[in-house]
């Protein structure tokens, strides 16, 4: 409003005369910059969630309780107002608050915020006078904050935190997350990625929270249906919910989503708790490994390393956008740089329900395989030479991979199937851990002289199926894969005769085996049938160790035999010297 100054023969009014009309009891006028250069600020009510009771001048509404939840953006809060049947003027209402500015005046703190108020229609149809509000607040205790809200787009009418058009008493809802931490074998690496880099988990330095990002996949066009929050009443999500939390939980790669997780409570945390099948090696496979010499070494080291594997079941409070709730998560330690995660596809407002069968069923949930940015090479399992006795044709393999959902886009811009170097993908042999490189596998093809090499990074066995994390050479653009395989022992076959100094010719018994192998570029999927589907599938017959012995049996490598002969020569020389 502009005031017209009366005409004066003395020209411009005197500034002192004008200011003499301003008194201490004159009303204050509030002006809000609509688009401040610094942008919004962090909301002052730190560490939600809160529960609150409120009074709009018609009585206190305390039951059912209302709730304030955080958003991923720290400058936003979600205020869920509950209706009290015996209090006039209360209603079930969800408001999103954006915090714009804060200051202190005397004993109280002030804030200007902008509310999204669904009862007034879409935000675009709401005026600034409807949305801007002033807040005055003070901390009553370590867990309680009193807040008063102005009746209009001014800071008038709220002389204290206990006087306003709406007065709220906020109480910290749960302090469990301040004592809960993720296990050190997870947080020792701050950053974890899925094999195709579509998912990323970044843990905070306090070990209490993480940010989970799901990368957008432009090659997929149809949107996954959003999942609604299970529950009713005051805890229900707003009608304008985007379903971002549902997308984050389901790993919706059609859009880029970010999910914030905060540790709420640890339900089970003990080495070997309920994961015997995932860590031990079955007696039959161990016996078969020892019968096959060098393979037993690799399998034995894997089994020994797996003896200390851990897992932990946790309740985690998750937020995406301004939607939030509780989910159940299980972390599995697979190797020093490999873990796996299972998490709920449903979320609940009650933490005690998060890990109940209605919300979390580990038997039906997929595993997400996570690796660190830098992988260390480990000894490959089943060292030796193999021939490709069965190979799924490329078109059929692609079709089966699509049916199994195991084909995904390659984050590096190339097809995930690195085996497609040859038009027919005609591999004839596999060499594992030979030529002094026990951490390298090489696939050899009839259509190229160059072998396709993979470095081994970690392995484990689960219910008779083995899983190996491997990557291609960095010189060709490193890509990561999960090799999923099973081993089938063949009947004992008699080899050729060899002389024996005491008993004459004897038959050298040989026992061979078949490895059924599939590769996946996204995660170690449990619905893959090794040798049958996946991005690539092979059946491999064991031909022997890295080299044949001089008598034709599966024995030590040539280098090992050379060492034995040299040592024997030294022994002979030493014996002759002693006789002299």
Protein backbone atom coordinates (compact mmCIF):
# COMPACT_ATOMS: atom_id res chain seq x y z
CA UNK A 1 0.00 0.00 0.00
CA UNK A 2 1.30 3.44 -0.83
CA UNK A 3 0.41 6.58 1.19
CA UNK A 4 -0.07 9.94 -0.61
CA UNK A 5 1.82 12.71 1.12
CA UNK A 6 -0.09 16.04 1.51
CA UNK A 7 1.14 18.97 -0.58
CA UNK A 8 3.48 21.32 1.24
CA UNK A 9 4.76 24.68 0.30
CA UNK A 10 8.05 23.75 1.83
CA UNK A 11 8.76 21.06 -0.80
CA UNK A 12 9.94 17.57 0.22
CA UNK A 13 8.82 16.41 3.70
CA UNK A 14 11.49 16.49 6.40
CA UNK A 15 12.87 13.02 7.21
CA UNK A 16 12.87 13.76 10.93
CA UNK A 17 9.21 14.75 10.78
CA UNK A 18 8.39 11.52 8.99
CA UNK A 19 10.29 9.33 11.45
CA UNK A 20 8.64 11.05 14.39
CA UNK A 21 5.41 9.35 13.32
CA UNK A 22 6.98 5.88 13.70
CA UNK A 23 6.42 4.44 17.18
CA UNK A 24 7.58 1.21 18.84
CA UNK A 25 4.07 -0.13 18.89
CA UNK A 26 3.57 0.31 15.16
CA UNK A 27 2.86 -2.99 13.38
CA UNK A 28 5.72 -4.70 11.54
CA UNK A 29 5.32 -5.44 7.85
CA UNK A 30 6.81 -8.68 6.49
CA UNK A 31 8.44 -8.91 3.08
CA UNK A 32 9.56 -12.27 1.67
CA UNK A 33 11.91 -12.56 -1.28
CA UNK A 34 10.26 -15.15 -3.55
CA UNK A 35 13.47 -16.41 -5.14
CA UNK A 36 16.39 -15.78 -2.75
CA UNK A 37 19.81 -16.09 -4.38
CA UNK A 38 21.03 -18.43 -1.62
CA UNK A 39 18.03 -20.72 -2.07
CA UNK A 40 16.18 -22.50 0.76
CA UNK A 41 17.89 -23.32 4.08
CA UNK A 42 18.21 -26.44 6.21
CA UNK A 43 15.08 -26.84 8.31
CA UNK A 44 15.75 -26.02 11.97
CA UNK A 45 13.80 -28.97 13.42
CA UNK A 46 16.74 -31.32 13.04
CA UNK A 47 16.75 -35.10 13.14
CA UNK A 48 13.10 -36.00 12.44
CA UNK A 49 10.86 -37.90 12.73
CA UNK A 50 8.79 -36.10 15.34
CA UNK A 51 5.35 -36.75 16.70
CA UNK A 52 3.28 -33.75 17.67
CA UNK A 53 0.05 -32.54 19.17
CA UNK A 54 -1.49 -29.29 17.93
CA UNK A 55 -4.03 -26.67 18.94
CA UNK A 56 -5.87 -24.40 16.49
CA UNK A 57 -7.78 -22.56 19.20
CA UNK A 58 -10.49 -25.18 19.59
CA UNK A 59 -8.66 -27.59 21.87
CA UNK A 60 -5.58 -29.80 21.78
CA UNK A 61 -5.48 -32.64 19.27
CA UNK A 62 -3.16 -35.26 20.77
CA UNK A 63 -4.69 -38.60 19.83
CA UNK A 64 -4.12 -39.96 17.28
CA UNK A 65 -0.67 -38.41 17.13
CA UNK A 66 0.46 -36.34 14.18
CA UNK A 67 3.91 -36.68 12.65
CA UNK A 68 6.73 -34.69 11.03
CA UNK A 69 8.98 -36.64 8.65
CA UNK A 70 12.16 -35.59 6.91
CA UNK A 71 12.73 -35.41 3.17
CA UNK A 72 15.89 -36.32 1.28
CA UNK A 73 16.26 -32.57 0.68
CA UNK A 74 17.17 -31.16 4.11
CA UNK A 75 15.26 -27.94 3.33
CA UNK A 76 11.93 -29.79 3.26
CA UNK A 77 9.71 -31.49 5.83
CA UNK A 78 6.47 -33.45 5.55
CA UNK A 79 3.83 -32.56 8.17
CA UNK A 80 1.15 -35.22 8.64
CA UNK A 81 -1.78 -33.76 10.59
CA UNK A 82 -4.19 -36.26 12.16
CA UNK A 83 -7.85 -35.52 12.86
CA UNK A 84 -9.19 -35.80 16.40
CA UNK A 85 -12.84 -36.83 16.53
CA UNK A 86 -13.57 -34.72 19.62
CA UNK A 87 -11.76 -31.54 18.50
CA UNK A 88 -13.46 -29.13 16.09
CA UNK A 89 -11.44 -27.89 13.12
CA UNK A 90 -8.96 -30.77 12.96
CA UNK A 91 -8.53 -32.88 9.85
CA UNK A 92 -6.33 -35.50 8.20
CA UNK A 93 -4.01 -33.31 6.19
CA UNK A 94 -0.52 -33.65 4.74
CA UNK A 95 1.52 -30.48 4.15
CA UNK A 96 4.98 -30.17 2.66
CA UNK A 97 7.06 -27.39 4.20
CA UNK A 98 9.99 -25.70 2.47
CA UNK A 99 12.24 -23.76 4.87
CA UNK A 100 13.36 -20.44 3.34
CA UNK A 101 15.06 -18.35 6.06
CA UNK A 102 15.81 -18.41 9.79
CA UNK A 103 16.89 -15.80 12.33
CA UNK A 104 16.84 -15.10 16.06
CA UNK A 105 15.17 -12.15 17.80
CA UNK A 106 15.39 -12.01 21.56
CA UNK A 107 14.72 -15.33 23.27
CA UNK A 108 12.98 -16.91 20.28
CA UNK A 109 13.93 -18.34 16.89
CA UNK A 110 12.01 -17.41 13.72
CA UNK A 111 11.61 -19.04 10.35
CA UNK A 112 9.86 -18.22 7.10
CA UNK A 113 8.52 -21.21 5.21
CA UNK A 114 6.34 -22.08 2.24
CA UNK A 115 3.62 -24.70 2.67
CA UNK A 116 2.13 -26.90 0.00
CA UNK A 117 -1.50 -27.19 1.11
CA UNK A 118 -3.50 -29.85 -0.76
CA UNK A 119 -6.85 -28.65 0.64
CA UNK A 120 -6.41 -25.47 -1.43
CA UNK A 121 -5.93 -27.35 -4.69
CA UNK A 122 -2.80 -27.81 -6.84
CA UNK A 123 0.21 -25.70 -5.77
CA UNK A 124 0.06 -23.73 -9.03
CA UNK A 125 -3.42 -22.50 -8.05
CA UNK A 126 -2.38 -21.37 -4.56
CA UNK A 127 -1.46 -17.74 -3.99
CA UNK A 128 1.63 -16.56 -2.13
CA UNK A 129 -0.62 -15.31 0.68
CA UNK A 130 -1.95 -18.86 1.04
CA UNK A 131 1.45 -20.54 1.13
CA UNK A 132 3.92 -18.27 2.97
CA UNK A 133 3.90 -18.54 6.76
CA UNK A 134 6.05 -17.35 9.66
CA UNK A 135 7.12 -19.70 12.47
CA UNK A 136 8.40 -18.86 15.95
CA UNK A 137 9.87 -21.67 18.03
CA UNK A 138 12.01 -22.63 21.00
CA UNK A 139 13.46 -25.86 22.35
CA UNK A 140 11.64 -26.75 25.53
CA UNK A 141 13.94 -29.73 26.21
CA UNK A 142 16.41 -31.97 24.36
CA UNK A 143 13.53 -33.85 22.76
CA UNK A 144 10.70 -31.27 22.66
CA UNK A 145 10.22 -28.12 20.55
CA UNK A 146 7.30 -25.67 20.77
CA UNK A 147 6.23 -24.00 17.50
CA UNK A 148 3.63 -21.34 16.68
CA UNK A 149 2.49 -20.60 13.10
CA UNK A 150 1.22 -17.24 11.84
CA UNK A 151 -2.37 -16.97 10.53
CA UNK A 152 -1.28 -15.27 7.27
CA UNK A 153 1.75 -14.40 5.17
CA UNK A 154 3.27 -12.16 7.85
CA UNK A 155 5.11 -12.54 11.13
CA UNK A 156 2.32 -10.70 12.95
CA UNK A 157 0.17 -12.46 15.51
CA UNK A 158 2.81 -14.83 16.90
CA UNK A 159 4.37 -13.02 19.89
CA UNK A 160 5.68 -16.32 21.32
CA UNK A 161 5.92 -20.03 20.51
CA UNK A 162 2.78 -20.64 22.56
CA UNK A 163 0.56 -18.10 20.70
CA UNK A 164 -0.48 -18.40 17.08
CA UNK A 165 -3.19 -19.62 14.71
CA UNK A 166 -1.73 -23.10 15.20
CA UNK A 167 0.54 -24.17 18.04
CA UNK A 168 2.48 -27.44 17.75
CA UNK A 169 4.39 -29.37 20.39
CA UNK A 170 7.02 -31.51 18.62
CA UNK A 171 8.50 -34.54 20.39
CA UNK A 172 11.39 -36.57 19.01
CA UNK A 173 9.68 -39.78 17.93
CA UNK A 174 12.53 -42.26 18.19
CA UNK A 175 16.14 -42.01 19.30
CA UNK A 176 17.07 -45.56 18.26
CA UNK A 177 18.92 -44.36 15.17
CA UNK A 178 21.35 -42.36 17.31
CA UNK A 179 22.62 -45.63 18.83
CA UNK A 180 22.35 -47.87 15.74
CA UNK A 181 25.25 -48.35 13.35
CA UNK A 182 25.86 -50.44 10.26
CA UNK A 183 28.44 -53.23 10.76
CA UNK A 184 32.12 -52.30 10.28
CA UNK A 185 32.63 -54.95 7.58
CA UNK A 186 30.12 -52.98 5.49
CA UNK A 187 31.23 -49.43 6.31
CA UNK A 188 34.96 -50.13 6.01
CA UNK A 189 34.30 -49.28 2.36
CA UNK A 190 32.20 -46.11 2.04
CA UNK A 191 31.14 -46.72 -1.57
CA UNK A 192 29.55 -49.87 -3.00
CA UNK A 193 28.33 -50.45 -6.56
CA UNK A 194 26.28 -53.10 -8.30
CA UNK A 195 28.14 -54.98 -11.04
CA UNK A 196 26.57 -52.83 -13.78
CA UNK A 197 26.93 -49.62 -11.71
CA UNK A 198 23.17 -49.04 -11.88
CA UNK A 199 22.98 -48.99 -8.07
CA UNK A 200 25.26 -47.19 -5.65
CA UNK A 201 25.34 -47.20 -1.84
CA UNK A 202 27.32 -44.40 -0.13
CA UNK A 203 27.73 -44.79 3.65
CA UNK A 204 28.26 -41.79 5.92
CA UNK A 205 31.40 -41.36 8.03
CA UNK A 206 29.28 -41.84 11.16
CA UNK A 207 28.29 -45.39 9.96
CA UNK A 208 24.64 -44.60 10.74
CA UNK A 209 23.21 -43.78 7.30
CA UNK A 210 23.61 -44.28 3.55
CA UNK A 211 22.42 -42.81 0.30
CA UNK A 212 21.19 -45.30 -2.27
CA UNK A 213 21.08 -44.10 -5.88
CA UNK A 214 19.41 -45.95 -8.73
CA UNK A 215 20.75 -44.77 -12.06
CA UNK A 216 18.31 -43.97 -14.84
CA UNK A 217 18.19 -46.51 -17.64
CA UNK A 218 17.11 -44.72 -20.84
CA UNK A 219 16.80 -47.99 -22.76
CA UNK A 220 13.74 -49.00 -20.76
CA UNK A 221 10.55 -47.15 -21.57
CA UNK A 222 7.61 -48.59 -19.64
CA UNK A 223 7.23 -47.39 -16.07
CA UNK A 224 7.06 -49.83 -13.21
CA UNK A 225 3.87 -49.37 -11.20
CA UNK A 226 4.44 -47.35 -8.06
CA UNK A 227 3.90 -49.11 -4.78
CA UNK A 228 1.57 -47.48 -2.28
CA UNK A 229 2.40 -47.31 1.39
CA UNK A 230 0.78 -50.13 3.33
CA UNK A 231 -1.27 -48.59 6.11
CA UNK A 232 -4.19 -46.26 6.59
CA UNK A 233 -5.24 -43.22 8.53
CA UNK A 234 -2.91 -40.43 9.56
CA UNK A 235 0.16 -42.26 8.30
CA UNK A 236 -1.05 -42.47 4.70
CA UNK A 237 1.00 -40.71 2.00
CA UNK A 238 -0.21 -37.52 0.32
CA UNK A 239 -2.37 -37.82 -2.77
CA UNK A 240 0.32 -36.07 -4.83
CA UNK A 241 2.96 -38.70 -3.94
CA UNK A 242 5.34 -39.46 -6.81
CA UNK A 243 6.09 -43.02 -5.72
CA UNK A 244 9.82 -42.23 -5.53
CA UNK A 245 10.29 -44.39 -2.44
CA UNK A 246 8.59 -47.32 -4.14
CA UNK A 247 10.82 -46.87 -7.18
CA UNK A 248 13.93 -46.78 -5.02
CA UNK A 249 12.98 -49.92 -3.10
CA UNK A 250 12.15 -51.88 -6.23
CA UNK A 251 15.24 -50.70 -8.06
CA UNK A 252 13.25 -48.90 -10.73
CA UNK A 253 15.93 -48.12 -13.33
CA UNK A 254 13.45 -46.24 -15.52
CA UNK A 255 14.06 -43.09 -13.50
CA UNK A 256 16.85 -41.73 -11.37
CA UNK A 257 15.90 -42.10 -7.73
CA UNK A 258 17.74 -41.35 -4.53
CA UNK A 259 16.93 -43.02 -1.26
CA UNK A 260 18.27 -42.04 2.18
CA UNK A 261 18.55 -44.87 4.73
CA UNK A 262 19.14 -44.41 8.46
CA UNK A 263 19.95 -47.33 10.74
CA UNK A 264 17.07 -47.87 13.19
CA UNK A 265 17.82 -51.17 14.94
CA UNK A 266 19.83 -54.38 14.59
CA UNK A 267 17.76 -57.56 14.90
CA UNK A 268 20.35 -60.28 14.20
CA UNK A 269 24.10 -59.90 13.97
CA UNK A 270 26.29 -62.94 14.45
CA UNK A 271 28.79 -64.89 12.34
CA UNK A 272 26.98 -67.75 10.67
CA UNK A 273 23.50 -66.88 11.96
CA UNK A 274 21.12 -68.71 9.67
CA UNK A 275 23.49 -68.73 6.72
CA UNK A 276 25.14 -72.12 6.87
CA UNK A 277 24.25 -73.00 3.31
CA UNK A 278 25.57 -69.71 2.06
CA UNK A 279 29.00 -70.14 3.60
CA UNK A 280 29.89 -73.80 3.89
CA UNK A 281 30.97 -76.11 1.10
CA UNK A 282 28.97 -79.29 0.81
CA UNK A 283 30.80 -82.52 1.71
CA UNK A 284 30.32 -83.92 -1.77
CA UNK A 285 31.89 -80.93 -3.48
CA UNK A 286 34.80 -80.87 -1.02
CA UNK A 287 35.47 -84.56 -1.56
CA UNK A 288 35.35 -84.13 -5.30
CA UNK A 289 37.75 -81.21 -5.12
CA UNK A 290 40.36 -83.20 -3.22
CA UNK A 291 40.05 -86.02 -5.69
CA UNK A 292 40.92 -83.63 -8.47
CA UNK A 293 44.14 -82.28 -7.05
CA UNK A 294 44.64 -78.61 -7.86
CA UNK A 295 40.93 -77.85 -7.79
CA UNK A 296 40.92 -78.87 -4.15
CA UNK A 297 43.43 -76.14 -3.34
CA UNK A 298 41.24 -73.41 -4.77
CA UNK A 299 38.05 -74.74 -3.26
CA UNK A 300 39.71 -75.38 0.06
CA UNK A 301 40.99 -71.82 0.35
CA UNK A 302 37.56 -70.47 -0.51
CA UNK A 303 35.89 -72.67 2.08
CA UNK A 304 38.38 -71.67 4.74
CA UNK A 305 37.91 -68.00 3.99
CA UNK A 306 34.16 -68.43 4.09
CA UNK A 307 34.24 -69.81 7.62
CA UNK A 308 34.13 -66.32 9.13
CA UNK A 309 31.49 -64.86 6.81
CA UNK A 310 28.93 -62.66 8.51
CA UNK A 311 25.42 -61.41 7.97
CA UNK A 312 23.21 -58.91 9.77
CA UNK A 313 19.47 -58.21 9.69
CA UNK A 314 18.46 -54.60 10.34
CA UNK A 315 15.46 -52.28 10.42
CA UNK A 316 16.23 -49.16 8.39
CA UNK A 317 14.25 -45.92 8.09
CA UNK A 318 14.25 -44.90 4.43
CA UNK A 319 13.24 -41.69 2.70
CA UNK A 320 12.86 -40.79 -0.96
CA UNK A 321 11.60 -37.36 -1.86
CA UNK A 322 9.27 -36.67 1.06
CA UNK A 323 7.99 -40.23 1.39
CA UNK A 324 9.40 -42.33 4.21
CA UNK A 325 8.91 -45.54 6.12
CA UNK A 326 10.70 -48.55 7.61
CA UNK A 327 12.13 -51.50 5.68
CA UNK A 328 14.05 -54.67 6.54
CA UNK A 329 17.53 -55.29 5.14
CA UNK A 330 20.00 -58.19 5.34
CA UNK A 331 23.67 -57.63 4.53
CA UNK A 332 25.83 -60.65 3.65
CA UNK A 333 29.62 -60.65 3.67
CA UNK A 334 30.86 -62.62 0.64
CA UNK A 335 34.50 -61.53 0.36
CA UNK A 336 36.67 -58.59 1.38
CA UNK A 337 35.37 -56.48 -1.49
CA UNK A 338 32.05 -58.23 -2.16
CA UNK A 339 28.80 -58.04 -0.18
CA UNK A 340 25.17 -58.77 -1.02
CA UNK A 341 21.99 -57.07 0.14
CA UNK A 342 18.35 -58.10 0.38
CA UNK A 343 15.81 -55.40 1.19
CA UNK A 344 12.06 -55.04 1.45
CA UNK A 345 9.95 -54.10 -1.54
CA UNK A 346 7.32 -52.83 0.89
CA UNK A 347 7.64 -50.23 3.60
CA UNK A 348 5.68 -49.57 6.76
CA UNK A 349 5.22 -46.76 9.27
CA UNK A 350 5.70 -49.20 12.17
CA UNK A 351 9.33 -50.32 12.64
CA UNK A 352 8.32 -53.53 14.44
CA UNK A 353 6.48 -54.68 11.29
CA UNK A 354 9.36 -54.10 8.86
CA UNK A 355 10.89 -57.60 9.16
CA UNK A 356 7.60 -59.48 9.60
CA UNK A 357 6.61 -62.05 6.92
CA UNK A 358 4.03 -59.63 5.52
CA UNK A 359 6.74 -57.14 4.59
CA UNK A 360 9.93 -59.17 4.24
CA UNK A 361 10.41 -62.67 2.79
CA UNK A 362 14.10 -63.41 2.06
CA UNK A 363 13.18 -66.53 0.09
CA UNK A 364 11.43 -64.48 -2.59
CA UNK A 365 13.52 -61.29 -2.58
CA UNK A 366 16.42 -60.87 -5.03
CA UNK A 367 20.03 -60.41 -3.95
CA UNK A 368 21.86 -57.25 -4.97
CA UNK A 369 25.58 -57.98 -5.42
CA UNK A 370 27.78 -55.02 -4.46
CA UNK A 371 31.47 -54.45 -5.05
CA UNK A 372 33.94 -51.71 -4.14
CA UNK A 373 35.36 -49.28 -6.73
CA UNK A 374 38.75 -51.02 -6.53
CA UNK A 375 38.75 -54.81 -6.62
CA UNK A 376 41.65 -56.98 -5.50
CA UNK A 377 42.50 -60.07 -7.50
CA UNK A 378 41.99 -63.39 -5.73
CA UNK A 379 42.96 -66.94 -6.66
CA UNK A 380 40.49 -68.40 -9.13
CA UNK A 381 38.63 -71.54 -8.05
CA UNK A 382 38.99 -74.84 -9.96
CA UNK A 383 42.41 -74.19 -11.47
CA UNK A 384 42.98 -76.23 -14.64
CA UNK A 385 42.13 -76.65 -18.30
CA UNK A 386 38.64 -77.19 -19.68
CA UNK A 387 37.05 -77.88 -23.03
CA UNK A 388 33.72 -76.37 -24.03
CA UNK A 389 31.48 -79.39 -24.54
CA UNK A 390 28.18 -77.56 -24.64
CA UNK A 391 27.46 -73.95 -25.47
CA UNK A 392 24.10 -72.26 -25.75
CA UNK A 393 23.78 -70.68 -29.22
CA UNK A 394 23.90 -66.89 -29.15
CA UNK A 395 20.31 -66.13 -30.32
CA UNK A 396 18.85 -68.70 -27.95
CA UNK A 397 21.02 -67.44 -25.10
CA UNK A 398 19.88 -63.86 -25.64
CA UNK A 399 16.26 -64.97 -25.68
CA UNK A 400 16.65 -66.96 -22.47
CA UNK A 401 18.51 -64.08 -20.83
CA UNK A 402 15.64 -61.77 -21.68
CA UNK A 403 13.16 -64.27 -20.30
CA UNK A 404 15.18 -64.49 -17.07
CA UNK A 405 15.57 -60.72 -16.87
CA UNK A 406 19.37 -61.01 -16.82
CA UNK A 407 20.17 -58.75 -19.78
CA UNK A 408 20.68 -55.12 -18.80
CA UNK A 409 22.18 -52.09 -20.46
CA UNK A 410 25.93 -51.70 -20.14
CA UNK A 411 26.94 -48.55 -18.23
CA UNK A 412 30.12 -48.31 -20.26
CA UNK A 413 28.20 -48.09 -23.52
CA UNK A 414 28.87 -51.59 -24.86
CA UNK A 415 26.83 -54.77 -24.84
CA UNK A 416 27.05 -56.62 -21.55
CA UNK A 417 27.93 -59.90 -23.24
CA UNK A 418 31.69 -59.59 -23.62
CA UNK A 419 31.80 -63.10 -25.11
CA UNK A 420 30.30 -61.82 -28.38
CA UNK A 421 33.70 -61.11 -29.95
CA UNK A 422 33.11 -63.82 -32.57
CA UNK A 423 30.07 -64.02 -34.78
CA UNK A 424 29.29 -67.55 -33.62
CA UNK A 425 30.77 -67.08 -30.14
CA UNK A 426 32.66 -70.31 -30.76
CA UNK A 427 34.78 -70.94 -27.66
CA UNK A 428 36.59 -74.24 -27.53
CA UNK A 429 38.52 -74.09 -24.24
CA UNK A 430 38.97 -72.38 -20.89
CA UNK A 431 42.23 -72.07 -18.95
CA UNK A 432 41.95 -71.17 -15.26
CA UNK A 433 44.89 -70.02 -13.14
CA UNK A 434 47.67 -71.28 -15.40
CA UNK A 435 50.91 -69.67 -16.66
CA UNK A 436 51.80 -68.33 -13.19
CA UNK A 437 48.57 -66.28 -13.10
CA UNK A 438 46.35 -68.12 -10.63
CA UNK A 439 43.93 -65.14 -10.57
CA UNK A 440 43.22 -65.11 -14.35
CA UNK A 441 40.77 -67.09 -16.50
CA UNK A 442 41.17 -67.23 -20.28
CA UNK A 443 38.53 -68.22 -22.83
CA UNK A 444 40.02 -69.36 -26.15
CA UNK A 445 38.08 -69.24 -29.41
CA UNK A 446 38.55 -70.80 -32.83
CA UNK A 447 37.78 -67.48 -34.56
CA UNK A 448 40.45 -65.33 -32.90
CA UNK A 449 44.00 -65.81 -31.73
CA UNK A 450 43.52 -63.54 -28.74
CA UNK A 451 42.13 -64.99 -25.52
CA UNK A 452 39.36 -63.27 -23.57
CA UNK A 453 40.77 -62.79 -20.06
CA UNK A 454 38.96 -62.33 -16.75
CA UNK A 455 40.41 -61.54 -13.32
CA UNK A 456 38.91 -63.31 -10.29
CA UNK A 457 37.91 -61.16 -7.30
CA UNK A 458 35.90 -63.27 -4.87
CA UNK A 459 33.83 -66.42 -4.67
CA UNK A 460 31.36 -68.22 -2.41
CA UNK A 461 29.09 -71.25 -2.47
CA UNK A 462 25.41 -71.42 -1.65
CA UNK A 463 23.15 -74.47 -1.76
CA UNK A 464 25.41 -76.32 -4.16
CA UNK A 465 25.82 -73.37 -6.54
CA UNK A 466 29.00 -71.32 -6.66
CA UNK A 467 29.32 -67.62 -7.46
CA UNK A 468 32.43 -65.85 -8.72
CA UNK A 469 32.95 -62.12 -9.28
CA UNK A 470 35.24 -61.49 -12.25
CA UNK A 471 36.13 -58.57 -14.50
CA UNK A 472 37.58 -58.04 -17.94
CA UNK A 473 40.92 -56.39 -18.61
CA UNK A 474 41.10 -52.67 -17.85
CA UNK A 475 42.85 -52.09 -21.15
CA UNK A 476 39.61 -52.92 -22.96
CA UNK A 477 37.33 -51.09 -20.53
CA UNK A 478 36.76 -53.11 -17.38
CA UNK A 479 33.37 -54.78 -17.05
CA UNK A 480 32.24 -56.85 -14.10
CA UNK A 481 30.38 -60.17 -14.19
CA UNK A 482 28.99 -62.79 -11.88
CA UNK A 483 29.99 -66.30 -12.97
CA UNK A 484 27.38 -68.76 -11.68
CA UNK A 485 28.33 -72.41 -11.87
CA UNK A 486 27.72 -75.91 -10.55
CA UNK A 487 30.01 -78.91 -10.65
CA UNK A 488 28.95 -82.42 -11.58
CA UNK A 489 31.32 -85.34 -11.00
CA UNK A 490 31.54 -87.91 -13.79
CA UNK A 491 31.93 -91.68 -13.18
CA UNK A 492 35.46 -92.93 -12.56
CA UNK A 493 37.21 -93.80 -15.83
CA UNK A 494 40.38 -95.86 -16.15
CA UNK A 495 43.33 -94.20 -17.78
CA UNK A 496 46.26 -95.79 -19.61
CA UNK A 497 48.60 -98.26 -17.95
CA UNK A 498 51.81 -97.10 -16.39
CA UNK A 499 54.72 -99.16 -15.01
CA UNK A 500 55.08 -99.78 -11.31
CA UNK A 501 58.45 -100.98 -9.93
CA UNK A 502 56.87 -103.45 -7.49
CA UNK A 503 53.59 -104.51 -8.97
CA UNK A 504 54.08 -104.09 -12.70
CA UNK A 505 51.60 -102.21 -14.95
CA UNK A 506 48.64 -100.60 -13.15
CA UNK A 507 45.64 -98.66 -14.39
CA UNK A 508 45.68 -94.97 -13.47
CA UNK A 509 42.17 -94.10 -12.29
CA UNK A 510 40.92 -90.69 -13.39
CA UNK A 511 37.83 -88.93 -12.20
CA UNK A 512 36.70 -85.95 -14.21
CA UNK A 513 33.87 -83.44 -13.83
CA UNK A 514 31.70 -80.99 -15.73
CA UNK A 515 31.27 -77.33 -14.84
CA UNK A 516 27.97 -75.83 -15.91
CA UNK A 517 28.55 -72.08 -16.16
CA UNK A 518 26.48 -68.96 -16.81
CA UNK A 519 27.42 -65.28 -16.67
CA UNK A 520 25.31 -62.31 -15.58
CA UNK A 521 26.29 -58.63 -15.77
CA UNK A 522 23.83 -57.11 -13.27
CA UNK A 523 23.91 -59.17 -10.09
CA UNK A 524 24.31 -62.77 -8.92
CA UNK A 525 20.76 -63.80 -9.75
CA UNK A 526 19.41 -66.86 -7.98
CA UNK A 527 16.98 -67.86 -10.74
CA UNK A 528 19.78 -68.60 -13.23
CA UNK A 529 20.25 -72.26 -14.19
CA UNK A 530 24.01 -72.62 -14.82
CA UNK A 531 24.80 -73.75 -18.34
CA UNK A 532 21.22 -73.11 -19.45
CA UNK A 533 20.44 -69.37 -19.33
CA UNK A 534 22.02 -66.02 -18.50
CA UNK A 535 23.95 -63.56 -20.66
CA UNK A 536 26.25 -66.46 -21.62
CA UNK A 537 26.07 -70.18 -20.86
CA UNK A 538 28.61 -73.00 -21.19
CA UNK A 539 29.20 -76.60 -20.24
CA UNK A 540 32.86 -77.24 -19.50
CA UNK A 541 34.56 -80.62 -19.28
CA UNK A 542 37.70 -80.89 -17.15
CA UNK A 543 40.72 -81.80 -19.29
CA UNK A 544 43.30 -81.67 -16.53
CA UNK A 545 45.49 -79.35 -14.59
CA UNK A 546 47.61 -76.60 -16.05
CA UNK A 547 49.89 -79.15 -17.75
CA UNK A 548 50.14 -82.93 -18.06
CA UNK A 549 52.77 -84.91 -16.20
CA UNK A 550 55.52 -86.78 -18.05
CA UNK A 551 53.67 -90.05 -17.62
CA UNK A 552 50.47 -88.70 -19.13
CA UNK A 553 48.49 -88.56 -15.88
CA UNK A 554 47.04 -85.46 -14.30
CA UNK A 555 50.03 -84.37 -12.28
CA UNK A 556 52.13 -81.35 -11.45
CA UNK A 557 52.86 -78.63 -13.97
CA UNK A 558 56.02 -78.67 -16.05
CA UNK A 559 57.49 -75.97 -13.86
CA UNK A 560 56.79 -78.00 -10.75
CA UNK A 561 58.35 -81.12 -12.30
CA UNK A 562 61.41 -79.14 -13.31
CA UNK A 563 61.79 -77.99 -9.75
CA UNK A 564 61.50 -81.56 -8.50
CA UNK A 565 64.16 -82.78 -10.97
CA UNK A 566 66.54 -79.98 -10.00
CA UNK A 567 66.05 -80.71 -6.31
CA UNK A 568 66.67 -84.40 -6.96
CA UNK A 569 69.90 -83.57 -8.78
CA UNK A 570 71.12 -81.56 -5.83
CA UNK A 571 70.31 -84.45 -3.49
CA UNK A 572 72.29 -86.88 -5.68
CA UNK A 573 75.28 -84.55 -5.83
CA UNK A 574 75.18 -84.03 -2.08
CA UNK A 575 75.05 -87.80 -1.49
CA UNK A 576 78.04 -88.43 -3.74
CA UNK A 577 80.01 -85.73 -1.96
CA UNK A 578 79.23 -87.32 1.38
CA UNK A 579 80.42 -90.74 0.16
CA UNK A 580 83.72 -89.24 -0.92
